[in-house]
Amino acid sequence: MTKETEVSRSELMKLARELGQALAQSQEILDYRDAEKEMADDEEASHLMRVYRKTYQERIQLQTDPENKKEEIASLSDSLEKADRDRKANSLIAKYDQTGNAFQDLIYQINQVLKFYCMEPDEDSQFGPAGGCRGCKGCPKARMGINTPPS
């Protein structure tokens, strides 16, 4: 970037604010907020989420105490897996998770566009995993294609 095309910090903040405002009106965030409200308004879904979060916190606490036995941690891990299965089986929670993932994917894609225009062509490789990407289908990078111009 040359001095002639340099953008001031205040202009960047203005653009970031505009991007944030646009994101706040995106279909992804609107769907996510609707799903969150539906889930919060449903007694069963709220209960399942509370059970999951409580069990998760208990397991974290148990793992941080060196006095706890592996059997206790394993038992709580089993309880957490059951709470997670129960949580995911609820259609409102599944919708909440799906819309949250869609919003996170949008944020990831925006970040990829920003990285594309801010980094040198091979600069990203130094931050990748050892041995490079294996091309798994679970990673948003594999779905998007890294180092290709965003559309």
N, C-alpha and C. Protein backbone atom coordinates (compact mmCIF):
# COMPACT_ATOMS: atom_id res chain seq x y z
N MET A 1 0.85 -1.17 0.00
CA MET A 1 0.00 0.00 0.00
C MET A 1 0.90 1.23 0.00
N THR A 2 0.60 2.13 -0.86
CA THR A 2 1.41 3.34 -0.93
C THR A 2 0.84 4.40 -0.01
N LYS A 3 1.65 5.42 0.24
CA LYS A 3 1.23 6.52 1.11
C LYS A 3 -0.01 7.22 0.55
N GLU A 4 -0.10 7.29 -0.78
CA GLU A 4 -1.23 7.97 -1.42
C GLU A 4 -2.56 7.26 -1.16
N THR A 5 -2.53 5.96 -0.97
CA THR A 5 -3.76 5.21 -0.75
C THR A 5 -4.00 4.87 0.71
N GLU A 6 -3.16 5.41 1.57
CA GLU A 6 -3.27 5.12 3.00
C GLU A 6 -4.63 5.59 3.54
N VAL A 7 -5.21 4.77 4.41
CA VAL A 7 -6.51 5.08 5.00
C VAL A 7 -6.30 5.37 6.48
N SER A 8 -6.92 6.43 6.96
CA SER A 8 -6.73 6.81 8.37
C SER A 8 -7.44 5.83 9.30
N ARG A 9 -6.97 5.80 10.52
CA ARG A 9 -7.56 4.95 11.55
C ARG A 9 -9.03 5.30 11.76
N SER A 10 -9.35 6.59 11.76
CA SER A 10 -10.75 6.99 11.98
C SER A 10 -11.64 6.52 10.82
N GLU A 11 -11.10 6.54 9.60
CA GLU A 11 -11.88 6.03 8.46
C GLU A 11 -12.08 4.52 8.58
N LEU A 12 -11.04 3.81 9.03
CA LEU A 12 -11.18 2.37 9.25
C LEU A 12 -12.23 2.07 10.32
N MET A 13 -12.24 2.86 11.39
CA MET A 13 -13.24 2.67 12.45
C MET A 13 -14.65 2.95 11.93
N LYS A 14 -14.76 3.94 11.07
CA LYS A 14 -16.06 4.25 10.46
C LYS A 14 -16.54 3.07 9.61
N LEU A 15 -15.63 2.53 8.81
CA LEU A 15 -15.97 1.38 7.97
C LEU A 15 -16.31 0.15 8.82
N ALA A 16 -15.57 -0.05 9.90
CA ALA A 16 -15.85 -1.18 10.80
C ALA A 16 -17.23 -1.02 11.44
N ARG A 17 -17.56 0.20 11.83
CA ARG A 17 -18.89 0.48 12.40
C ARG A 17 -19.98 0.16 11.38
N GLU A 18 -19.76 0.58 10.14
CA GLU A 18 -20.73 0.31 9.08
C GLU A 18 -20.88 -1.19 8.83
N LEU A 19 -19.76 -1.90 8.86
CA LEU A 19 -19.81 -3.35 8.70
C LEU A 19 -20.59 -3.98 9.85
N GLY A 20 -20.32 -3.53 11.07
CA GLY A 20 -21.05 -4.03 12.23
C GLY A 20 -22.55 -3.78 12.12
N GLN A 21 -22.91 -2.60 11.67
CA GLN A 21 -24.33 -2.27 11.50
C GLN A 21 -24.96 -3.13 10.40
N ALA A 22 -24.22 -3.38 9.35
CA ALA A 22 -24.73 -4.24 8.27
C ALA A 22 -24.89 -5.68 8.77
N LEU A 23 -23.91 -6.16 9.53
CA LEU A 23 -24.00 -7.51 10.09
C LEU A 23 -25.21 -7.63 11.01
N ALA A 24 -25.48 -6.58 11.78
CA ALA A 24 -26.62 -6.60 12.71
C ALA A 24 -27.94 -6.73 11.96
N GLN A 25 -27.95 -6.39 10.68
CA GLN A 25 -29.17 -6.50 9.87
C GLN A 25 -29.11 -7.68 8.89
N SER A 26 -28.07 -8.49 8.99
CA SER A 26 -27.94 -9.63 8.08
C SER A 26 -28.98 -10.69 8.42
N GLN A 27 -29.36 -11.46 7.42
CA GLN A 27 -30.34 -12.53 7.64
C GLN A 27 -29.80 -13.54 8.65
N GLU A 28 -28.49 -13.78 8.62
CA GLU A 28 -27.90 -14.75 9.54
C GLU A 28 -28.10 -14.35 11.00
N ILE A 29 -27.83 -13.08 11.33
CA ILE A 29 -27.98 -12.67 12.73
C ILE A 29 -29.44 -12.54 13.11
N LEU A 30 -30.28 -12.12 12.18
CA LEU A 30 -31.72 -12.04 12.47
C LEU A 30 -32.30 -13.43 12.74
N ASP A 31 -31.90 -14.41 11.92
CA ASP A 31 -32.34 -15.79 12.15
C ASP A 31 -31.83 -16.32 13.48
N TYR A 32 -30.58 -16.01 13.81
CA TYR A 32 -29.98 -16.46 15.06
C TYR A 32 -30.71 -15.87 16.26
N ARG A 33 -31.00 -14.59 16.21
CA ARG A 33 -31.72 -13.95 17.32
C ARG A 33 -33.12 -14.52 17.48
N ASP A 34 -33.80 -14.77 16.35
CA ASP A 34 -35.13 -15.38 16.42
C ASP A 34 -35.06 -16.76 17.05
N ALA A 35 -34.09 -17.56 16.63
CA ALA A 35 -33.93 -18.92 17.17
C ALA A 35 -33.60 -18.87 18.65
N GLU A 36 -32.77 -17.91 19.04
CA GLU A 36 -32.40 -17.76 20.45
C GLU A 36 -33.62 -17.41 21.29
N LYS A 37 -34.46 -16.52 20.80
CA LYS A 37 -35.67 -16.13 21.52
C LYS A 37 -36.65 -17.31 21.62
N GLU A 38 -36.85 -18.02 20.51
CA GLU A 38 -37.73 -19.19 20.53
C GLU A 38 -37.25 -20.21 21.55
N MET A 39 -35.95 -20.45 21.57
CA MET A 39 -35.38 -21.42 22.50
C MET A 39 -35.56 -20.95 23.94
N ALA A 40 -35.29 -19.68 24.19
CA ALA A 40 -35.40 -19.14 25.55
C ALA A 40 -36.85 -19.15 26.04
N ASP A 41 -37.79 -18.98 25.12
CA ASP A 41 -39.21 -18.96 25.50
C ASP A 41 -39.79 -20.35 25.73
N ASP A 42 -39.07 -21.38 25.31
CA ASP A 42 -39.54 -22.76 25.46
C ASP A 42 -38.99 -23.37 26.74
N GLU A 43 -39.90 -23.83 27.60
CA GLU A 43 -39.50 -24.36 28.91
C GLU A 43 -38.58 -25.57 28.79
N GLU A 44 -38.92 -26.51 27.91
CA GLU A 44 -38.11 -27.71 27.77
C GLU A 44 -36.71 -27.39 27.24
N ALA A 45 -36.65 -26.57 26.19
CA ALA A 45 -35.35 -26.21 25.61
C ALA A 45 -34.49 -25.47 26.63
N SER A 46 -35.10 -24.56 27.37
CA SER A 46 -34.35 -23.82 28.40
C SER A 46 -33.82 -24.76 29.47
N HIS A 47 -34.65 -25.72 29.87
CA HIS A 47 -34.23 -26.69 30.88
C HIS A 47 -33.05 -27.52 30.36
N LEU A 48 -33.15 -28.00 29.13
CA LEU A 48 -32.07 -28.81 28.55
C LEU A 48 -30.76 -28.03 28.48
N MET A 49 -30.85 -26.76 28.11
CA MET A 49 -29.65 -25.92 28.05
C MET A 49 -29.07 -25.70 29.44
N ARG A 50 -29.93 -25.48 30.44
CA ARG A 50 -29.43 -25.29 31.82
C ARG A 50 -28.72 -26.55 32.31
N VAL A 51 -29.32 -27.72 32.05
CA VAL A 51 -28.72 -28.99 32.47
C VAL A 51 -27.36 -29.16 31.80
N TYR A 52 -27.29 -28.89 30.50
CA TYR A 52 -26.03 -29.03 29.78
C TYR A 52 -24.97 -28.09 30.34
N ARG A 53 -25.31 -26.82 30.49
CA ARG A 53 -24.34 -25.84 30.99
C ARG A 53 -23.87 -26.17 32.41
N LYS A 54 -24.81 -26.59 33.26
CA LYS A 54 -24.46 -26.95 34.64
C LYS A 54 -23.52 -28.15 34.65
N THR A 55 -23.84 -29.16 33.87
CA THR A 55 -22.99 -30.36 33.81
C THR A 55 -21.62 -30.03 33.25
N TYR A 56 -21.59 -29.18 32.24
CA TYR A 56 -20.32 -28.74 31.64
C TYR A 56 -19.46 -28.03 32.69
N GLN A 57 -20.05 -27.10 33.42
CA GLN A 57 -19.31 -26.36 34.45
C GLN A 57 -18.81 -27.29 35.55
N GLU A 58 -19.64 -28.25 35.94
CA GLU A 58 -19.23 -29.22 36.96
C GLU A 58 -18.03 -30.04 36.49
N ARG A 59 -18.05 -30.45 35.24
CA ARG A 59 -16.92 -31.23 34.72
C ARG A 59 -15.66 -30.38 34.68
N ILE A 60 -15.77 -29.14 34.26
CA ILE A 60 -14.60 -28.25 34.23
C ILE A 60 -14.03 -28.11 35.63
N GLN A 61 -14.89 -27.88 36.61
CA GLN A 61 -14.42 -27.75 37.99
C GLN A 61 -13.75 -29.03 38.47
N LEU A 62 -14.36 -30.15 38.15
CA LEU A 62 -13.82 -31.44 38.58
C LEU A 62 -12.44 -31.67 37.96
N GLN A 63 -12.27 -31.29 36.71
CA GLN A 63 -11.00 -31.50 36.03
C GLN A 63 -9.88 -30.62 36.58
N THR A 64 -10.24 -29.48 37.15
CA THR A 64 -9.20 -28.58 37.65
C THR A 64 -8.70 -28.97 39.03
N ASP A 65 -9.42 -29.84 39.71
CA ASP A 65 -9.02 -30.27 41.05
C ASP A 65 -8.20 -31.55 40.93
N PRO A 66 -6.90 -31.51 41.26
CA PRO A 66 -6.05 -32.69 41.11
C PRO A 66 -6.44 -33.85 42.03
N GLU A 67 -7.24 -33.58 43.04
CA GLU A 67 -7.67 -34.62 43.98
C GLU A 67 -8.76 -35.53 43.40
N ASN A 68 -9.42 -35.10 42.36
CA ASN A 68 -10.52 -35.88 41.81
C ASN A 68 -10.01 -37.09 41.05
N LYS A 69 -10.80 -38.14 41.13
CA LYS A 69 -10.43 -39.39 40.50
C LYS A 69 -10.91 -39.42 39.05
N LYS A 70 -10.19 -40.19 38.26
CA LYS A 70 -10.55 -40.32 36.85
C LYS A 70 -11.95 -40.89 36.68
N GLU A 71 -12.37 -41.77 37.59
CA GLU A 71 -13.70 -42.38 37.49
C GLU A 71 -14.79 -41.32 37.63
N GLU A 72 -14.57 -40.37 38.56
CA GLU A 72 -15.56 -39.30 38.76
C GLU A 72 -15.65 -38.42 37.51
N ILE A 73 -14.50 -38.11 36.95
CA ILE A 73 -14.47 -37.29 35.75
C ILE A 73 -15.13 -38.03 34.59
N ALA A 74 -14.85 -39.33 34.46
CA ALA A 74 -15.45 -40.13 33.39
C ALA A 74 -16.96 -40.19 33.54
N SER A 75 -17.42 -40.35 34.77
CA SER A 75 -18.86 -40.40 35.02
C SER A 75 -19.53 -39.08 34.63
N LEU A 76 -18.91 -37.99 35.02
CA LEU A 76 -19.46 -36.68 34.68
C LEU A 76 -19.37 -36.41 33.17
N SER A 77 -18.32 -36.93 32.55
CA SER A 77 -18.20 -36.80 31.09
C SER A 77 -19.32 -37.56 30.39
N ASP A 78 -19.67 -38.74 30.91
CA ASP A 78 -20.81 -39.49 30.37
C ASP A 78 -22.10 -38.70 30.53
N SER A 79 -22.27 -38.09 31.69
CA SER A 79 -23.47 -37.27 31.94
C SER A 79 -23.51 -36.08 30.98
N LEU A 80 -22.35 -35.50 30.73
CA LEU A 80 -22.27 -34.37 29.80
C LEU A 80 -22.63 -34.81 28.38
N GLU A 81 -22.14 -35.96 27.97
CA GLU A 81 -22.47 -36.47 26.63
C GLU A 81 -23.97 -36.71 26.50
N LYS A 82 -24.59 -37.25 27.55
CA LYS A 82 -26.04 -37.47 27.52
C LYS A 82 -26.78 -36.14 27.45
N ALA A 83 -26.35 -35.18 28.26
CA ALA A 83 -26.98 -33.85 28.24
C ALA A 83 -26.84 -33.21 26.87
N ASP A 84 -25.69 -33.42 26.23
CA ASP A 84 -25.47 -32.86 24.89
C ASP A 84 -26.37 -33.54 23.86
N ARG A 85 -26.51 -34.87 23.95
CA ARG A 85 -27.41 -35.59 23.03
C ARG A 85 -28.85 -35.12 23.22
N ASP A 86 -29.28 -34.99 24.48
CA ASP A 86 -30.64 -34.52 24.77
C ASP A 86 -30.84 -33.11 24.22
N ARG A 87 -29.85 -32.28 24.41
CA ARG A 87 -29.91 -30.90 23.95
C ARG A 87 -30.04 -30.85 22.42
N LYS A 88 -29.22 -31.61 21.74
CA LYS A 88 -29.21 -31.60 20.28
C LYS A 88 -30.47 -32.23 19.68
N ALA A 89 -31.14 -33.09 20.44
CA ALA A 89 -32.37 -33.74 19.95
C ALA A 89 -33.56 -32.78 19.95
N ASN A 90 -33.45 -31.68 20.67
CA ASN A 90 -34.53 -30.69 20.72
C ASN A 90 -34.47 -29.84 19.45
N SER A 91 -35.59 -29.74 18.74
CA SER A 91 -35.61 -29.04 17.45
C SER A 91 -35.30 -27.55 17.59
N LEU A 92 -35.73 -26.92 18.68
CA LEU A 92 -35.45 -25.49 18.85
C LEU A 92 -33.97 -25.25 19.11
N ILE A 93 -33.36 -26.13 19.88
CA ILE A 93 -31.92 -26.00 20.15
C ILE A 93 -31.13 -26.31 18.88
N ALA A 94 -31.58 -27.31 18.12
CA ALA A 94 -30.90 -27.63 16.86
C ALA A 94 -30.95 -26.43 15.91
N LYS A 95 -32.10 -25.75 15.87
CA LYS A 95 -32.24 -24.56 15.02
C LYS A 95 -31.32 -23.45 15.52
N TYR A 96 -31.25 -23.28 16.84
CA TYR A 96 -30.37 -22.28 17.45
C TYR A 96 -28.91 -22.57 17.07
N ASP A 97 -28.50 -23.82 17.22
CA ASP A 97 -27.13 -24.21 16.86
C ASP A 97 -26.86 -23.98 15.37
N GLN A 98 -27.82 -24.36 14.53
CA GLN A 98 -27.65 -24.21 13.08
C GLN A 98 -27.53 -22.74 12.68
N THR A 99 -28.39 -21.89 13.23
CA THR A 99 -28.33 -20.47 12.88
C THR A 99 -27.08 -19.82 13.45
N GLY A 100 -26.65 -20.27 14.62
CA GLY A 100 -25.40 -19.76 15.20
C GLY A 100 -24.21 -20.13 14.33
N ASN A 101 -24.21 -21.36 13.83
CA ASN A 101 -23.13 -21.80 12.95
C ASN A 101 -23.13 -21.02 11.64
N ALA A 102 -24.32 -20.72 11.12
CA ALA A 102 -24.42 -19.94 9.88
C ALA A 102 -23.84 -18.54 10.09
N PHE A 103 -24.14 -17.94 11.23
CA PHE A 103 -23.59 -16.61 11.52
C PHE A 103 -22.07 -16.68 11.69
N GLN A 104 -21.58 -17.68 12.41
CA GLN A 104 -20.14 -17.84 12.58
C GLN A 104 -19.45 -18.06 11.23
N ASP A 105 -20.09 -18.80 10.34
CA ASP A 105 -19.53 -19.02 9.02
C ASP A 105 -19.44 -17.71 8.24
N LEU A 106 -20.47 -16.87 8.36
CA LEU A 106 -20.44 -15.55 7.72
C LEU A 106 -19.27 -14.71 8.25
N ILE A 107 -19.10 -14.71 9.57
CA ILE A 107 -17.99 -13.96 10.19
C ILE A 107 -16.65 -14.51 9.68
N TYR A 108 -16.55 -15.83 9.60
CA TYR A 108 -15.32 -16.45 9.11
C TYR A 108 -15.04 -16.00 7.66
N GLN A 109 -16.07 -16.02 6.83
CA GLN A 109 -15.90 -15.62 5.44
C GLN A 109 -15.48 -14.16 5.33
N ILE A 110 -16.06 -13.30 6.14
CA ILE A 110 -15.67 -11.89 6.15
C ILE A 110 -14.21 -11.76 6.57
N ASN A 111 -13.81 -12.52 7.58
CA ASN A 111 -12.43 -12.50 8.03
C ASN A 111 -11.48 -12.97 6.92
N GLN A 112 -11.91 -13.97 6.16
CA GLN A 112 -11.08 -14.45 5.05
C GLN A 112 -10.91 -13.36 4.00
N VAL A 113 -11.97 -12.61 3.72
CA VAL A 113 -11.87 -11.50 2.76
C VAL A 113 -10.87 -10.47 3.28
N LEU A 114 -10.99 -10.12 4.56
CA LEU A 114 -10.06 -9.14 5.15
C LEU A 114 -8.62 -9.64 5.07
N LYS A 115 -8.41 -10.91 5.42
CA LYS A 115 -7.07 -11.46 5.36
C LYS A 115 -6.53 -11.45 3.93
N PHE A 116 -7.39 -11.77 2.98
CA PHE A 116 -6.96 -11.81 1.58
C PHE A 116 -6.39 -10.47 1.15
N TYR A 117 -7.04 -9.39 1.53
CA TYR A 117 -6.60 -8.07 1.10
C TYR A 117 -5.51 -7.47 1.98
N CYS A 118 -5.26 -8.05 3.13
CA CYS A 118 -4.26 -7.50 4.05
C CYS A 118 -2.94 -8.26 4.04
N MET A 119 -2.94 -9.48 3.54
CA MET A 119 -1.74 -10.31 3.62
C MET A 119 -1.13 -10.51 2.25
N GLU A 120 0.16 -10.79 2.26
CA GLU A 120 0.85 -11.16 1.04
C GLU A 120 0.36 -12.54 0.62
N PRO A 121 0.46 -12.90 -0.66
CA PRO A 121 -0.10 -14.17 -1.14
C PRO A 121 0.32 -15.41 -0.36
N ASP A 122 1.58 -15.53 0.04
CA ASP A 122 2.02 -16.74 0.75
C ASP A 122 2.15 -16.53 2.25
N GLU A 123 1.76 -15.39 2.75
CA GLU A 123 1.93 -15.07 4.16
C GLU A 123 1.10 -15.96 5.07
N ASP A 124 -0.07 -16.38 4.64
CA ASP A 124 -0.97 -17.19 5.46
C ASP A 124 -0.38 -18.54 5.81
N SER A 125 0.49 -19.07 4.95
CA SER A 125 1.02 -20.42 5.15
C SER A 125 1.79 -20.56 6.46
N GLN A 126 2.41 -19.51 6.94
CA GLN A 126 3.17 -19.62 8.18
C GLN A 126 2.26 -19.81 9.40
N PHE A 127 0.97 -19.53 9.26
CA PHE A 127 0.05 -19.67 10.38
C PHE A 127 -0.76 -20.95 10.31
N GLY A 128 -0.58 -21.73 9.27
CA GLY A 128 -1.35 -22.96 9.09
C GLY A 128 -0.82 -24.08 9.96
N PRO A 129 -1.54 -25.20 10.02
CA PRO A 129 -1.08 -26.34 10.81
C PRO A 129 0.16 -26.96 10.19
N ALA A 130 0.94 -27.65 11.01
CA ALA A 130 2.14 -28.31 10.51
C ALA A 130 1.74 -29.27 9.40
N GLY A 131 2.45 -29.21 8.31
CA GLY A 131 2.15 -30.09 7.19
C GLY A 131 1.06 -29.55 6.28
N GLY A 132 0.51 -28.41 6.62
CA GLY A 132 -0.52 -27.81 5.77
C GLY A 132 -1.88 -28.43 5.98
N CYS A 133 -2.86 -27.86 5.31
CA CYS A 133 -4.24 -28.32 5.42
C CYS A 133 -4.40 -29.65 4.70
N ARG A 134 -5.12 -30.54 5.33
CA ARG A 134 -5.37 -31.84 4.73
C ARG A 134 -6.64 -31.84 3.88
N GLY A 135 -7.35 -30.71 3.87
CA GLY A 135 -8.53 -30.61 3.02
C GLY A 135 -9.76 -31.31 3.56
N CYS A 136 -9.87 -31.45 4.88
CA CYS A 136 -11.06 -32.07 5.44
C CYS A 136 -12.29 -31.23 5.11
N LYS A 137 -13.46 -31.83 5.14
CA LYS A 137 -14.67 -31.11 4.77
C LYS A 137 -15.27 -30.34 5.95
N GLY A 138 -14.76 -30.52 7.17
CA GLY A 138 -15.32 -29.86 8.33
C GLY A 138 -14.85 -28.43 8.52
N CYS A 139 -13.77 -28.07 7.91
CA CYS A 139 -13.17 -26.75 8.10
C CYS A 139 -13.74 -25.75 7.11
N PRO A 140 -14.15 -24.58 7.57
CA PRO A 140 -14.63 -23.56 6.62
C PRO A 140 -13.59 -23.20 5.57
N LYS A 141 -12.30 -23.34 5.90
CA LYS A 141 -11.26 -23.04 4.92
C LYS A 141 -11.39 -23.96 3.71
N ALA A 142 -11.69 -25.23 3.96
CA ALA A 142 -11.81 -26.19 2.87
C ALA A 142 -13.02 -25.87 2.00
N ARG A 143 -14.09 -25.40 2.63
CA ARG A 143 -15.30 -25.06 1.87
C ARG A 143 -15.11 -23.79 1.07
N MET A 144 -14.29 -22.85 1.60
CA MET A 144 -14.14 -21.55 0.94
C MET A 144 -13.02 -21.51 -0.07
N GLY A 145 -11.96 -22.19 0.21
CA GLY A 145 -10.79 -22.10 -0.65
C GLY A 145 -9.93 -20.93 -0.22
N ILE A 146 -8.78 -21.23 0.34
CA ILE A 146 -7.90 -20.19 0.85
C ILE A 146 -7.03 -19.65 -0.29
N ASN A 147 -6.69 -18.38 -0.17
CA ASN A 147 -5.84 -17.68 -1.14
C ASN A 147 -6.46 -17.62 -2.54
N THR A 148 -7.78 -17.63 -2.60
CA THR A 148 -8.47 -17.35 -3.86
C THR A 148 -9.22 -16.05 -3.66
N PRO A 149 -9.27 -15.21 -4.68
CA PRO A 149 -9.92 -13.91 -4.50
C PRO A 149 -11.39 -14.08 -4.09
N PRO A 150 -11.82 -13.41 -3.02
CA PRO A 150 -13.21 -13.49 -2.62
C PRO A 150 -14.11 -12.86 -3.68
N SER A 151 -15.30 -13.40 -3.80
CA SER A 151 -16.22 -12.83 -4.79
C SER A 151 -17.12 -11.79 -4.18
